[in-house]
Structures are given as C-alpha cells and as structure tokens.
N, C-alpha and C. Protein backbone atom coordinates (compact mmCIF):
# COMPACT_ATOMS: atom_id res chain seq x y z
N MET A 1 16.80 -9.81 -14.65
CA MET A 1 16.33 -10.98 -13.78
C MET A 1 15.00 -10.63 -12.99
N ILE A 2 14.98 -9.35 -12.43
CA ILE A 2 13.82 -8.97 -11.69
C ILE A 2 12.71 -8.95 -12.53
N ASP A 3 12.75 -8.51 -13.89
CA ASP A 3 11.63 -8.43 -14.73
C ASP A 3 11.14 -9.94 -14.91
N ALA A 4 12.07 -10.89 -15.23
CA ALA A 4 11.61 -12.18 -15.48
C ALA A 4 11.00 -12.81 -14.25
N ALA A 5 11.69 -12.64 -13.11
CA ALA A 5 11.04 -13.19 -11.81
C ALA A 5 9.69 -12.59 -11.49
N ALA A 6 9.49 -11.30 -11.56
CA ALA A 6 8.34 -10.66 -11.42
C ALA A 6 7.09 -11.28 -12.21
N GLY A 7 7.44 -11.49 -13.50
CA GLY A 7 6.56 -12.00 -14.42
C GLY A 7 5.95 -13.26 -13.95
N LEU A 8 7.10 -14.22 -13.63
CA LEU A 8 6.72 -15.60 -13.38
C LEU A 8 6.06 -15.66 -12.00
N PHE A 9 6.44 -14.82 -10.98
CA PHE A 9 5.69 -14.80 -9.64
C PHE A 9 4.35 -14.47 -9.83
N ALA A 10 3.94 -13.43 -10.80
CA ALA A 10 2.72 -12.83 -10.97
C ALA A 10 1.88 -14.00 -11.62
N GLU A 11 2.46 -14.72 -12.62
CA GLU A 11 1.81 -15.72 -13.40
C GLU A 11 1.44 -17.07 -12.74
N ARG A 12 2.51 -17.52 -11.94
CA ARG A 12 2.37 -18.84 -11.28
C ARG A 12 2.23 -18.90 -9.75
N GLY A 13 2.66 -17.78 -9.14
CA GLY A 13 2.70 -17.79 -7.71
C GLY A 13 4.05 -18.15 -7.14
N TYR A 14 4.34 -17.52 -6.00
CA TYR A 14 5.63 -17.63 -5.43
C TYR A 14 6.13 -19.05 -5.28
N HIS A 15 5.30 -19.82 -4.83
CA HIS A 15 5.77 -21.35 -4.53
C HIS A 15 5.90 -22.17 -5.72
N ALA A 16 5.33 -21.83 -6.89
CA ALA A 16 5.33 -22.68 -8.02
C ALA A 16 6.55 -22.32 -8.96
N VAL A 17 7.33 -21.36 -8.57
CA VAL A 17 8.32 -20.71 -9.37
C VAL A 17 9.67 -21.31 -8.91
N SER A 18 10.47 -21.82 -9.81
CA SER A 18 11.83 -22.30 -9.52
C SER A 18 12.85 -21.34 -9.85
N MET A 19 14.02 -21.41 -9.20
CA MET A 19 15.13 -20.57 -9.60
C MET A 19 15.60 -21.02 -11.01
N ASP A 20 15.55 -22.34 -11.36
CA ASP A 20 15.79 -22.74 -12.79
C ASP A 20 14.90 -21.90 -13.70
N ALA A 21 13.60 -21.97 -13.40
CA ALA A 21 12.69 -21.35 -14.40
C ALA A 21 12.93 -19.73 -14.50
N ILE A 22 13.47 -19.11 -13.40
CA ILE A 22 13.73 -17.59 -13.39
C ILE A 22 15.02 -17.57 -14.30
N ALA A 23 15.96 -18.29 -14.02
CA ALA A 23 17.27 -18.18 -14.78
C ALA A 23 16.88 -18.48 -16.36
N GLN A 24 16.16 -19.28 -16.58
CA GLN A 24 15.84 -19.71 -17.99
C GLN A 24 15.18 -18.42 -18.60
N ALA A 25 14.11 -17.88 -18.07
CA ALA A 25 13.37 -16.79 -18.46
C ALA A 25 14.29 -15.61 -18.66
N ALA A 26 15.27 -15.31 -17.68
CA ALA A 26 16.09 -14.28 -17.72
C ALA A 26 17.25 -14.36 -18.69
N GLY A 27 17.49 -15.68 -19.21
CA GLY A 27 18.52 -15.83 -20.13
C GLY A 27 19.86 -15.78 -19.47
N VAL A 28 19.99 -16.35 -18.10
CA VAL A 28 21.17 -16.30 -17.35
C VAL A 28 21.25 -17.74 -16.75
N SER A 29 22.40 -17.98 -16.22
CA SER A 29 22.63 -19.18 -15.35
C SER A 29 22.01 -19.01 -13.99
N LYS A 30 21.60 -20.16 -13.51
CA LYS A 30 21.13 -20.19 -12.02
C LYS A 30 22.14 -19.71 -11.10
N PRO A 31 23.50 -20.03 -11.25
CA PRO A 31 24.35 -19.57 -10.29
C PRO A 31 24.57 -17.96 -10.23
N MET A 32 24.25 -17.32 -11.44
CA MET A 32 24.22 -15.87 -11.67
C MET A 32 23.12 -15.37 -10.72
N VAL A 33 21.90 -15.90 -10.90
CA VAL A 33 20.79 -15.47 -10.02
C VAL A 33 21.13 -15.49 -8.65
N TYR A 34 21.70 -16.79 -8.17
CA TYR A 34 22.00 -16.73 -6.73
C TYR A 34 23.12 -15.82 -6.46
N ALA A 35 24.07 -15.47 -7.27
CA ALA A 35 25.13 -14.47 -6.97
C ALA A 35 24.54 -13.24 -6.72
N TYR A 36 23.55 -12.84 -7.44
CA TYR A 36 22.87 -11.49 -7.20
C TYR A 36 21.90 -11.40 -6.08
N PHE A 37 21.16 -12.46 -5.97
CA PHE A 37 20.08 -12.42 -4.92
C PHE A 37 20.14 -13.28 -3.80
N GLU A 38 21.12 -14.26 -3.78
CA GLU A 38 21.18 -15.32 -2.69
C GLU A 38 20.26 -16.36 -2.67
N SER A 39 18.97 -16.04 -2.81
CA SER A 39 17.90 -16.93 -2.66
C SER A 39 16.61 -16.55 -3.40
N LYS A 40 15.70 -17.46 -3.58
CA LYS A 40 14.37 -17.06 -4.20
C LYS A 40 13.81 -16.02 -3.40
N GLU A 41 13.76 -16.19 -2.06
CA GLU A 41 13.28 -15.11 -1.17
C GLU A 41 13.86 -13.76 -1.43
N GLY A 42 15.25 -13.77 -1.50
CA GLY A 42 15.76 -12.54 -1.83
C GLY A 42 15.48 -11.84 -3.14
N LEU A 43 15.25 -12.75 -4.11
CA LEU A 43 14.90 -12.25 -5.39
C LEU A 43 13.37 -11.74 -5.39
N PHE A 44 12.59 -12.52 -4.65
CA PHE A 44 11.13 -12.07 -4.49
C PHE A 44 11.07 -10.63 -3.76
N LEU A 45 11.97 -10.51 -2.72
CA LEU A 45 11.91 -9.23 -2.08
C LEU A 45 12.45 -8.13 -2.97
N ALA A 46 13.37 -8.42 -3.78
CA ALA A 46 13.80 -7.29 -4.70
C ALA A 46 12.76 -7.02 -5.75
N CYS A 47 11.83 -7.87 -6.16
CA CYS A 47 10.60 -7.72 -6.88
C CYS A 47 9.70 -6.85 -6.11
N VAL A 48 9.44 -7.06 -4.79
CA VAL A 48 8.56 -6.47 -4.00
C VAL A 48 9.06 -4.96 -3.81
N GLU A 49 10.46 -4.80 -3.62
CA GLU A 49 11.01 -3.60 -3.53
C GLU A 49 10.65 -2.60 -4.78
N ARG A 50 10.93 -3.22 -5.85
CA ARG A 50 10.56 -2.48 -7.10
C ARG A 50 9.07 -2.19 -7.08
N ALA A 51 8.32 -2.99 -6.75
CA ALA A 51 6.83 -2.79 -6.88
C ALA A 51 6.39 -1.84 -5.94
N THR A 52 7.08 -1.74 -4.73
CA THR A 52 6.77 -0.77 -3.75
C THR A 52 7.13 0.54 -4.24
N GLU A 53 8.30 0.74 -4.92
CA GLU A 53 8.67 2.06 -5.58
C GLU A 53 7.55 2.46 -6.57
N HIS A 54 7.11 1.54 -7.32
CA HIS A 54 5.90 1.79 -8.24
C HIS A 54 4.73 2.17 -7.51
N LEU A 55 4.46 1.62 -6.43
CA LEU A 55 3.24 1.99 -5.59
C LEU A 55 3.48 3.45 -5.20
N ILE A 56 4.59 3.83 -4.57
CA ILE A 56 4.87 5.20 -4.15
C ILE A 56 4.85 6.19 -5.24
N GLU A 57 5.31 5.82 -6.37
CA GLU A 57 5.28 6.78 -7.56
C GLU A 57 4.01 6.90 -8.01
N GLY A 58 3.12 5.85 -8.04
CA GLY A 58 1.89 5.83 -8.63
C GLY A 58 0.87 6.80 -7.72
N VAL A 59 1.01 6.54 -6.34
CA VAL A 59 0.25 7.33 -5.59
C VAL A 59 0.59 8.84 -5.59
N GLU A 60 1.90 9.22 -5.61
CA GLU A 60 2.43 10.42 -5.65
C GLU A 60 1.98 11.09 -6.95
N GLN A 61 1.97 10.54 -8.08
CA GLN A 61 1.63 11.04 -9.31
C GLN A 61 0.00 11.21 -9.42
N ALA A 62 -0.74 10.37 -8.73
CA ALA A 62 -2.16 10.47 -8.63
C ALA A 62 -2.76 11.56 -7.72
N THR A 63 -1.98 12.10 -6.84
CA THR A 63 -2.27 12.99 -5.87
C THR A 63 -1.68 14.46 -5.88
N PRO A 64 -1.58 14.96 -7.07
CA PRO A 64 -0.79 16.37 -7.14
C PRO A 64 -1.54 17.24 -6.27
N PRO A 65 -0.80 18.10 -5.45
CA PRO A 65 -1.26 19.23 -4.49
C PRO A 65 -2.35 20.07 -5.01
N HIS A 66 -2.39 20.27 -6.35
CA HIS A 66 -3.34 21.35 -6.81
C HIS A 66 -4.83 20.77 -6.84
N LEU A 67 -4.99 19.47 -6.67
CA LEU A 67 -6.38 18.88 -6.74
C LEU A 67 -6.98 19.11 -5.33
N PRO A 68 -8.32 19.19 -5.36
CA PRO A 68 -9.08 19.12 -4.08
C PRO A 68 -8.65 18.08 -3.08
N ASN A 69 -8.62 18.10 -1.90
CA ASN A 69 -8.23 17.18 -0.91
C ASN A 69 -9.02 15.77 -1.06
N ASP A 70 -10.35 15.91 -1.18
CA ASP A 70 -11.09 14.65 -1.25
C ASP A 70 -10.70 13.88 -2.51
N GLU A 71 -10.40 14.63 -3.73
CA GLU A 71 -10.10 13.95 -4.86
C GLU A 71 -8.70 13.41 -4.79
N ARG A 72 -7.71 13.99 -4.11
CA ARG A 72 -6.47 13.37 -3.79
C ARG A 72 -6.66 12.12 -3.03
N MET A 73 -7.36 12.07 -2.07
CA MET A 73 -7.63 10.86 -1.27
C MET A 73 -8.11 9.77 -2.15
N TRP A 74 -9.27 10.09 -3.07
CA TRP A 74 -9.73 9.09 -3.89
C TRP A 74 -8.75 8.65 -4.83
N ARG A 75 -8.05 9.51 -5.42
CA ARG A 75 -7.13 9.02 -6.41
C ARG A 75 -5.93 8.21 -5.81
N GLY A 76 -5.61 8.45 -4.58
CA GLY A 76 -4.55 7.88 -3.91
C GLY A 76 -5.12 6.42 -3.53
N LEU A 77 -6.31 6.22 -3.10
CA LEU A 77 -6.90 5.00 -2.88
C LEU A 77 -6.95 4.03 -4.15
N LEU A 78 -7.37 4.69 -5.15
CA LEU A 78 -7.39 4.10 -6.55
C LEU A 78 -6.14 3.46 -6.88
N ALA A 79 -5.13 4.39 -6.77
CA ALA A 79 -3.74 3.92 -7.01
C ALA A 79 -3.32 2.80 -6.20
N VAL A 80 -3.61 2.69 -5.00
CA VAL A 80 -3.23 1.53 -4.06
C VAL A 80 -3.94 0.29 -4.62
N PHE A 81 -5.21 0.36 -4.95
CA PHE A 81 -5.90 -0.85 -5.36
C PHE A 81 -5.50 -1.34 -6.86
N THR A 82 -5.03 -0.28 -7.60
CA THR A 82 -4.54 -0.66 -8.83
C THR A 82 -3.26 -1.41 -8.78
N PHE A 83 -2.44 -1.01 -7.80
CA PHE A 83 -1.21 -1.62 -7.44
C PHE A 83 -1.56 -3.07 -7.01
N ILE A 84 -2.46 -3.27 -6.16
CA ILE A 84 -2.84 -4.64 -5.67
C ILE A 84 -3.29 -5.37 -6.83
N GLU A 85 -4.15 -4.97 -7.80
CA GLU A 85 -4.56 -5.69 -8.87
C GLU A 85 -3.39 -6.13 -9.76
N GLU A 86 -2.38 -5.23 -9.98
CA GLU A 86 -1.27 -5.74 -10.70
C GLU A 86 -0.27 -6.46 -10.08
N HIS A 87 -0.25 -6.52 -8.79
CA HIS A 87 0.75 -7.35 -7.87
C HIS A 87 0.09 -8.25 -6.88
N ARG A 88 -0.89 -8.98 -7.35
CA ARG A 88 -1.71 -9.79 -6.33
C ARG A 88 -0.87 -10.71 -5.53
N GLU A 89 0.08 -11.41 -6.26
CA GLU A 89 0.89 -12.41 -5.64
C GLU A 89 1.71 -11.73 -4.55
N ALA A 90 2.33 -10.62 -4.84
CA ALA A 90 3.12 -9.85 -3.93
C ALA A 90 2.26 -9.53 -2.71
N TRP A 91 1.20 -8.90 -2.95
CA TRP A 91 0.32 -8.41 -1.87
C TRP A 91 0.01 -9.51 -1.05
N ALA A 92 -0.51 -10.71 -1.50
CA ALA A 92 -1.02 -11.91 -0.83
C ALA A 92 0.13 -12.34 0.00
N LEU A 93 1.32 -12.36 -0.40
CA LEU A 93 2.51 -12.89 0.42
C LEU A 93 2.89 -11.75 1.53
N LEU A 94 2.75 -10.60 1.10
CA LEU A 94 3.24 -9.58 2.17
C LEU A 94 1.98 -9.37 3.20
N TYR A 95 0.90 -9.42 2.87
CA TYR A 95 -0.32 -9.11 3.65
C TYR A 95 -1.29 -10.29 3.78
N PRO A 96 -0.80 -11.44 4.25
CA PRO A 96 -1.87 -12.56 4.00
C PRO A 96 -3.16 -12.38 4.77
N ASP A 97 -2.98 -11.76 5.94
CA ASP A 97 -4.16 -11.47 6.75
C ASP A 97 -4.36 -10.02 7.22
N GLY A 98 -3.93 -9.06 6.28
CA GLY A 98 -3.83 -7.80 6.75
C GLY A 98 -2.48 -7.07 7.06
N PRO A 99 -2.40 -6.23 8.05
CA PRO A 99 -1.12 -5.59 8.36
C PRO A 99 -0.05 -6.63 8.75
N PRO A 100 1.29 -6.36 8.37
CA PRO A 100 2.35 -7.27 8.59
C PRO A 100 2.55 -7.53 10.07
N SER A 101 2.83 -8.89 10.47
CA SER A 101 3.13 -9.25 11.81
C SER A 101 4.32 -9.97 11.90
N GLY A 102 5.02 -10.36 10.82
CA GLY A 102 6.25 -11.13 10.95
C GLY A 102 6.40 -11.99 9.76
N GLY A 103 7.20 -12.90 9.81
CA GLY A 103 7.44 -13.98 8.86
C GLY A 103 8.47 -13.53 7.85
N PRO A 104 8.83 -14.30 6.74
CA PRO A 104 10.12 -14.01 5.98
C PRO A 104 9.84 -12.73 5.14
N PHE A 105 8.76 -12.24 4.94
CA PHE A 105 8.48 -11.09 4.03
C PHE A 105 8.16 -9.87 4.78
N PHE A 106 8.50 -9.82 6.11
CA PHE A 106 8.02 -8.83 6.95
C PHE A 106 8.74 -7.47 6.49
N ALA A 107 10.10 -7.54 6.13
CA ALA A 107 10.77 -6.33 5.82
C ALA A 107 10.06 -5.69 4.64
N GLY A 108 9.84 -6.38 3.54
CA GLY A 108 9.07 -5.67 2.40
C GLY A 108 7.81 -5.23 2.80
N ALA A 109 7.05 -5.98 3.57
CA ALA A 109 5.57 -5.48 3.95
C ALA A 109 5.76 -4.24 4.81
N HIS A 110 6.81 -4.23 5.79
CA HIS A 110 6.85 -3.04 6.64
C HIS A 110 7.31 -1.77 5.80
N ARG A 111 8.17 -1.96 4.72
CA ARG A 111 8.54 -0.80 3.97
C ARG A 111 7.32 -0.31 3.31
N ALA A 112 6.62 -1.19 2.73
CA ALA A 112 5.33 -0.75 1.94
C ALA A 112 4.28 0.04 2.84
N SER A 113 4.25 -0.56 4.00
CA SER A 113 3.32 0.09 4.99
C SER A 113 3.82 1.48 5.38
N GLU A 114 5.15 1.58 5.66
CA GLU A 114 5.58 2.89 6.01
C GLU A 114 5.43 3.96 4.90
N ALA A 115 5.68 3.54 3.68
CA ALA A 115 5.39 4.38 2.57
C ALA A 115 3.99 4.88 2.37
N MET A 116 3.03 3.85 2.67
CA MET A 116 1.71 4.31 2.54
C MET A 116 1.16 5.25 3.68
N ALA A 117 1.86 4.95 4.88
CA ALA A 117 1.48 5.86 6.03
C ALA A 117 1.97 7.18 5.78
N ALA A 118 3.22 7.30 5.29
CA ALA A 118 3.75 8.67 4.97
C ALA A 118 2.97 9.44 3.94
N LEU A 119 2.49 8.68 2.91
CA LEU A 119 1.71 9.42 1.95
C LEU A 119 0.35 9.89 2.55
N LEU A 120 -0.33 9.01 3.34
CA LEU A 120 -1.55 9.42 3.80
C LEU A 120 -1.40 10.44 4.91
N THR A 121 -0.34 10.39 5.52
CA THR A 121 -0.20 11.48 6.68
C THR A 121 -0.10 12.87 5.90
N ARG A 122 0.68 12.90 4.80
CA ARG A 122 0.81 14.08 4.01
C ARG A 122 -0.60 14.58 3.60
N LEU A 123 -1.37 13.66 2.94
CA LEU A 123 -2.63 13.99 2.49
C LEU A 123 -3.70 14.48 3.53
N LEU A 124 -3.67 13.88 4.89
CA LEU A 124 -4.52 14.28 5.88
C LEU A 124 -4.09 15.50 6.41
N ARG A 125 -2.64 15.78 6.56
CA ARG A 125 -2.21 16.99 7.08
C ARG A 125 -2.51 18.18 6.19
N ASP A 126 -2.38 17.93 4.89
CA ASP A 126 -2.79 19.06 3.90
C ASP A 126 -4.18 19.41 4.05
N ALA A 127 -5.01 18.33 4.17
CA ALA A 127 -6.53 18.52 4.14
C ALA A 127 -6.86 19.32 5.58
N ALA A 128 -6.34 18.93 6.48
CA ALA A 128 -6.55 19.49 7.91
C ALA A 128 -6.06 21.00 7.77
N VAL A 129 -4.88 21.36 7.31
CA VAL A 129 -4.49 22.77 7.23
C VAL A 129 -5.24 23.57 6.35
N ALA A 130 -5.60 22.96 5.14
CA ALA A 130 -6.46 23.69 4.28
C ALA A 130 -7.84 23.89 4.85
N SER A 131 -8.33 23.29 5.85
CA SER A 131 -9.65 23.40 6.48
C SER A 131 -9.51 24.32 7.66
N GLY A 132 -8.35 24.80 7.92
CA GLY A 132 -8.15 25.90 9.06
C GLY A 132 -7.63 25.23 10.32
N VAL A 133 -7.13 23.99 10.34
CA VAL A 133 -6.65 23.46 11.62
C VAL A 133 -5.19 23.95 11.71
N ASP A 134 -4.83 24.30 13.08
CA ASP A 134 -3.60 24.83 13.15
C ASP A 134 -2.42 23.79 12.70
N PRO A 135 -1.46 24.26 11.84
CA PRO A 135 -0.45 23.26 11.27
C PRO A 135 0.26 22.47 12.24
N ASP A 136 0.58 22.97 13.53
CA ASP A 136 1.14 22.23 14.66
C ASP A 136 0.37 20.97 15.02
N VAL A 137 -1.01 21.35 15.16
CA VAL A 137 -1.90 20.35 15.71
C VAL A 137 -1.98 19.31 14.48
N ALA A 138 -2.25 19.86 13.31
CA ALA A 138 -2.44 18.95 12.07
C ALA A 138 -1.27 17.85 12.06
N GLU A 139 0.00 18.55 12.28
CA GLU A 139 1.21 17.62 12.22
C GLU A 139 1.29 16.57 13.16
N GLU A 140 0.81 16.83 14.51
CA GLU A 140 0.75 15.99 15.58
C GLU A 140 -0.22 14.78 15.28
N GLU A 141 -1.46 15.35 14.98
CA GLU A 141 -2.60 14.27 15.03
C GLU A 141 -2.67 13.42 13.78
N THR A 142 -2.22 13.80 12.63
CA THR A 142 -2.60 13.04 11.42
C THR A 142 -1.75 11.75 11.28
N GLU A 143 -0.56 11.70 11.81
CA GLU A 143 0.11 10.44 11.58
C GLU A 143 -0.54 9.26 12.28
N PRO A 144 -1.06 9.38 13.58
CA PRO A 144 -1.66 8.16 14.17
C PRO A 144 -2.83 7.76 13.29
N ILE A 145 -3.59 8.74 12.85
CA ILE A 145 -4.77 8.41 12.07
C ILE A 145 -4.40 7.72 10.71
N ALA A 146 -3.35 8.31 10.09
CA ALA A 146 -2.82 7.77 8.77
C ALA A 146 -2.46 6.15 9.06
N ARG A 147 -1.83 5.99 10.11
CA ARG A 147 -1.50 4.70 10.41
C ARG A 147 -2.60 3.70 10.51
N ALA A 148 -3.66 4.14 11.31
CA ALA A 148 -4.91 3.37 11.30
C ALA A 148 -5.61 3.02 9.94
N LEU A 149 -5.47 4.09 9.10
CA LEU A 149 -6.12 3.90 7.71
C LEU A 149 -5.31 3.08 6.94
N VAL A 150 -3.97 2.96 7.07
CA VAL A 150 -3.07 2.04 6.46
C VAL A 150 -3.39 0.72 6.68
N ALA A 151 -3.71 0.31 8.01
CA ALA A 151 -4.34 -0.96 8.53
C ALA A 151 -5.64 -1.34 7.75
N ALA A 152 -6.52 -0.30 7.63
CA ALA A 152 -7.66 -0.48 6.90
C ALA A 152 -7.42 -0.85 5.50
N VAL A 153 -6.55 -0.09 4.83
CA VAL A 153 -6.23 -0.36 3.41
C VAL A 153 -5.78 -1.85 3.17
N GLU A 154 -4.70 -2.23 4.16
CA GLU A 154 -4.11 -3.53 4.05
C GLU A 154 -5.18 -4.50 4.35
N GLY A 155 -6.05 -4.36 5.33
CA GLY A 155 -7.07 -5.30 5.54
C GLY A 155 -7.94 -5.59 4.45
N LEU A 156 -8.49 -4.48 3.80
CA LEU A 156 -9.46 -4.60 2.72
C LEU A 156 -8.75 -5.07 1.42
N GLY A 157 -7.51 -4.61 1.08
CA GLY A 157 -6.64 -5.18 0.15
C GLY A 157 -6.47 -6.74 0.24
N SER A 158 -6.26 -7.26 1.39
CA SER A 158 -5.93 -8.64 1.67
C SER A 158 -7.30 -9.41 1.42
N TRP A 159 -8.39 -8.78 1.92
CA TRP A 159 -9.76 -9.37 1.74
C TRP A 159 -10.12 -9.53 0.25
N TRP A 160 -9.67 -8.42 -0.52
CA TRP A 160 -10.01 -8.46 -1.98
C TRP A 160 -9.25 -9.35 -2.82
N VAL A 161 -7.97 -9.49 -2.45
CA VAL A 161 -7.15 -10.57 -3.07
C VAL A 161 -7.85 -12.00 -2.96
N ARG A 162 -8.61 -12.22 -1.75
CA ARG A 162 -9.19 -13.65 -1.56
C ARG A 162 -10.68 -13.63 -2.18
N ASN A 163 -11.17 -12.40 -2.40
CA ASN A 163 -12.47 -12.32 -3.01
C ASN A 163 -12.54 -11.34 -4.09
N PRO A 164 -11.97 -11.60 -5.19
CA PRO A 164 -11.69 -10.73 -6.26
C PRO A 164 -12.85 -10.36 -7.28
N THR A 165 -14.18 -10.61 -6.88
CA THR A 165 -15.26 -10.49 -7.86
C THR A 165 -15.57 -9.13 -8.17
N ALA A 166 -15.40 -8.23 -7.15
CA ALA A 166 -15.69 -6.71 -7.42
C ALA A 166 -14.60 -6.08 -7.83
N PRO A 167 -14.81 -5.02 -8.64
CA PRO A 167 -13.60 -4.23 -9.28
C PRO A 167 -12.88 -3.39 -8.24
N LYS A 168 -11.68 -2.98 -8.61
CA LYS A 168 -10.87 -2.19 -7.66
C LYS A 168 -11.54 -0.78 -7.29
N GLU A 169 -12.24 -0.32 -8.36
CA GLU A 169 -13.00 1.06 -8.11
C GLU A 169 -13.93 0.95 -6.92
N LEU A 170 -14.56 -0.24 -6.88
CA LEU A 170 -15.55 -0.39 -5.71
C LEU A 170 -14.89 -0.54 -4.34
N GLN A 171 -13.58 -1.09 -4.31
CA GLN A 171 -12.98 -1.29 -3.03
C GLN A 171 -12.47 0.09 -2.68
N ALA A 172 -11.92 0.92 -3.71
CA ALA A 172 -11.49 2.32 -3.29
C ALA A 172 -12.59 3.09 -2.77
N LEU A 173 -13.85 2.87 -3.48
CA LEU A 173 -15.03 3.69 -3.04
C LEU A 173 -15.42 3.40 -1.73
N ARG A 174 -15.42 2.05 -1.22
CA ARG A 174 -15.74 1.70 -0.04
C ARG A 174 -14.99 2.33 1.07
N LEU A 175 -13.50 2.37 0.81
CA LEU A 175 -12.67 2.94 1.82
C LEU A 175 -12.84 4.50 1.76
N MET A 176 -13.08 4.97 0.63
CA MET A 176 -13.18 6.53 0.58
C MET A 176 -14.41 6.95 1.31
N ASN A 177 -15.46 6.22 1.28
CA ASN A 177 -16.51 6.64 2.11
C ASN A 177 -16.31 6.39 3.57
N LEU A 178 -15.62 5.41 3.96
CA LEU A 178 -15.27 5.11 5.30
C LEU A 178 -14.33 6.24 5.81
N ILE A 179 -13.26 6.48 5.10
CA ILE A 179 -12.33 7.54 5.38
C ILE A 179 -12.77 8.91 5.28
N TRP A 180 -13.21 9.28 4.02
CA TRP A 180 -13.53 10.81 3.91
C TRP A 180 -14.84 11.25 4.55
N MET A 181 -15.77 10.48 4.40
CA MET A 181 -17.11 10.77 5.12
C MET A 181 -16.91 10.63 6.63
N GLY A 182 -16.03 9.70 7.06
CA GLY A 182 -15.89 9.67 8.53
C GLY A 182 -14.88 10.78 9.06
N LEU A 183 -13.89 11.02 8.20
CA LEU A 183 -12.73 12.08 8.57
C LEU A 183 -13.05 13.41 8.08
N GLY A 184 -14.04 13.62 7.27
CA GLY A 184 -14.26 14.94 6.80
C GLY A 184 -14.46 16.09 7.87
N ASN A 185 -15.18 15.61 8.89
CA ASN A 185 -15.40 16.46 10.05
C ASN A 185 -14.16 16.63 10.88
N THR A 186 -13.40 15.65 11.00
CA THR A 186 -12.08 15.58 11.81
C THR A 186 -11.09 16.50 11.29
N VAL A 187 -10.81 16.54 9.91
CA VAL A 187 -9.89 17.30 9.31
C VAL A 187 -10.39 18.81 9.32
N ARG A 188 -11.63 19.03 9.51
CA ARG A 188 -12.11 20.40 9.67
C ARG A 188 -12.07 20.87 11.15
N GLY A 189 -11.64 19.95 11.97
CA GLY A 189 -11.63 20.36 13.30
C GLY A 189 -13.01 20.10 14.05
N ASN A 190 -13.76 19.45 13.60
CA ASN A 190 -15.12 19.15 14.24
C ASN A 190 -15.10 17.78 14.86
N LEU A 191 -14.65 17.77 16.19
CA LEU A 191 -14.40 16.52 16.86
C LEU A 191 -15.57 16.06 17.76
N TRP A 192 -15.74 14.78 17.82
CA TRP A 192 -16.64 14.17 18.82
C TRP A 192 -15.79 14.09 20.12
N LEU A 193 -16.40 14.50 21.21
CA LEU A 193 -15.62 14.43 22.45
C LEU A 193 -16.40 13.74 23.47
N PRO A 194 -15.81 13.02 24.36
CA PRO A 194 -16.75 12.13 25.36
C PRO A 194 -17.22 13.26 26.44
N PRO A 195 -18.44 12.92 27.04
CA PRO A 195 -19.03 13.65 27.99
C PRO A 195 -17.96 14.12 29.07
N ALA A 196 -18.09 15.23 29.76
CA ALA A 196 -17.24 15.59 30.90
C ALA A 196 -17.62 14.71 31.97
N PRO A 197 -16.72 14.36 32.80
CA PRO A 197 -16.94 13.46 33.99
C PRO A 197 -17.89 14.17 34.81
N ALA A 198 -18.76 13.62 35.72
CA ALA A 198 -19.56 14.10 36.54
C ALA A 198 -18.91 14.65 37.79
C-alpha cells in the first residue's frame, strides 16, 4: 500500500490522489487502507517516514568516515538534493516555505529535520576534531551550527522545488560553497571575534 501510495503521490500530487485510487493501485479494498493508516494523511506520513529513512540511509552511505571531510560534506549535500529530486511532492508538503513551523505534516518534517541535523552535526564534529579542535569544544559547538545549516538546506530545497530549472548538482554546489568555504576556517578553530569593548 505504501509503494502504491508513494507512486501516486509522486505522480499526481497529494491533493489529487484519492483513497479509492490508492486502494485500486495496491489491489486491496479501501476499508483495508483505512484500517492500516486511518486517513490519507496517515498514509502520506507513512510514505514520508519511509522516504526519510531512505534519506538517512542515502546520506550515511554517501559519507563514509574514510573520505576527506569536505568530500563527505559534498556527498551528503548531493544525497539530500537527490532525495528532494526523487520525493518532490513530499518535500513540498513538508517544507512549503523552508523549515517546518506547524501544520498537519509537522511531525514528518520535524523527524526529517532532526535526522539531517544529527548527520550534519557528526560531519562537522569529525571535521573540527580532525583539524585539531578539542573534542569537547567540537561536541558543544557543532550542533547549533548544524541546525542553522539544516535550515539553509531546507530553505534552498524548498526554493528549488518551486524553481526546478537548474540541476541538483548546482544546488548542492551552492550550499557547499556557502557551508564549506564559510565554515572551513571555523572547523579549524580560526574564528572571527568581535572587537574588545573600549
């Protein structure tokens, strides 16, 4: 049922898909679909949950620890934009204007955001430690930065869903330059600090 629903949602969009169409595509009765998922929203969220698992797996597989940290970041970003490309409808519903702020799909959006934040935190922490930053400092400082970067990924991803003319590689490259070129000094411990008060 999830396979059938995911295919229909991707092809037609959430609002254009009926539970009758899902049941027919899955070869089951409509009451059976309701018995398992209670509503179309529940079924869509099950599709999102599975897609989120694919996102997590895809990013983890793309970012093995033996790669240089900049390549891990690049591959991770590319994996996210590949996910967006393959699940545009889900992304557009979860992040219509960037980071989730509420609405019926908040739980799915929040889970995906948390997963991305955890992955980015690990990547940034590893990069900082490999550059000589004290592990305790890296542990404390990377999560807030990772969460800010998740918002950037979600914002650009939502913009790209509405403006899909350029390829995913360009979107990932834009973010890579913003993140890595901007954070390259930070993860090496080279920080900009405000001037001392007079």
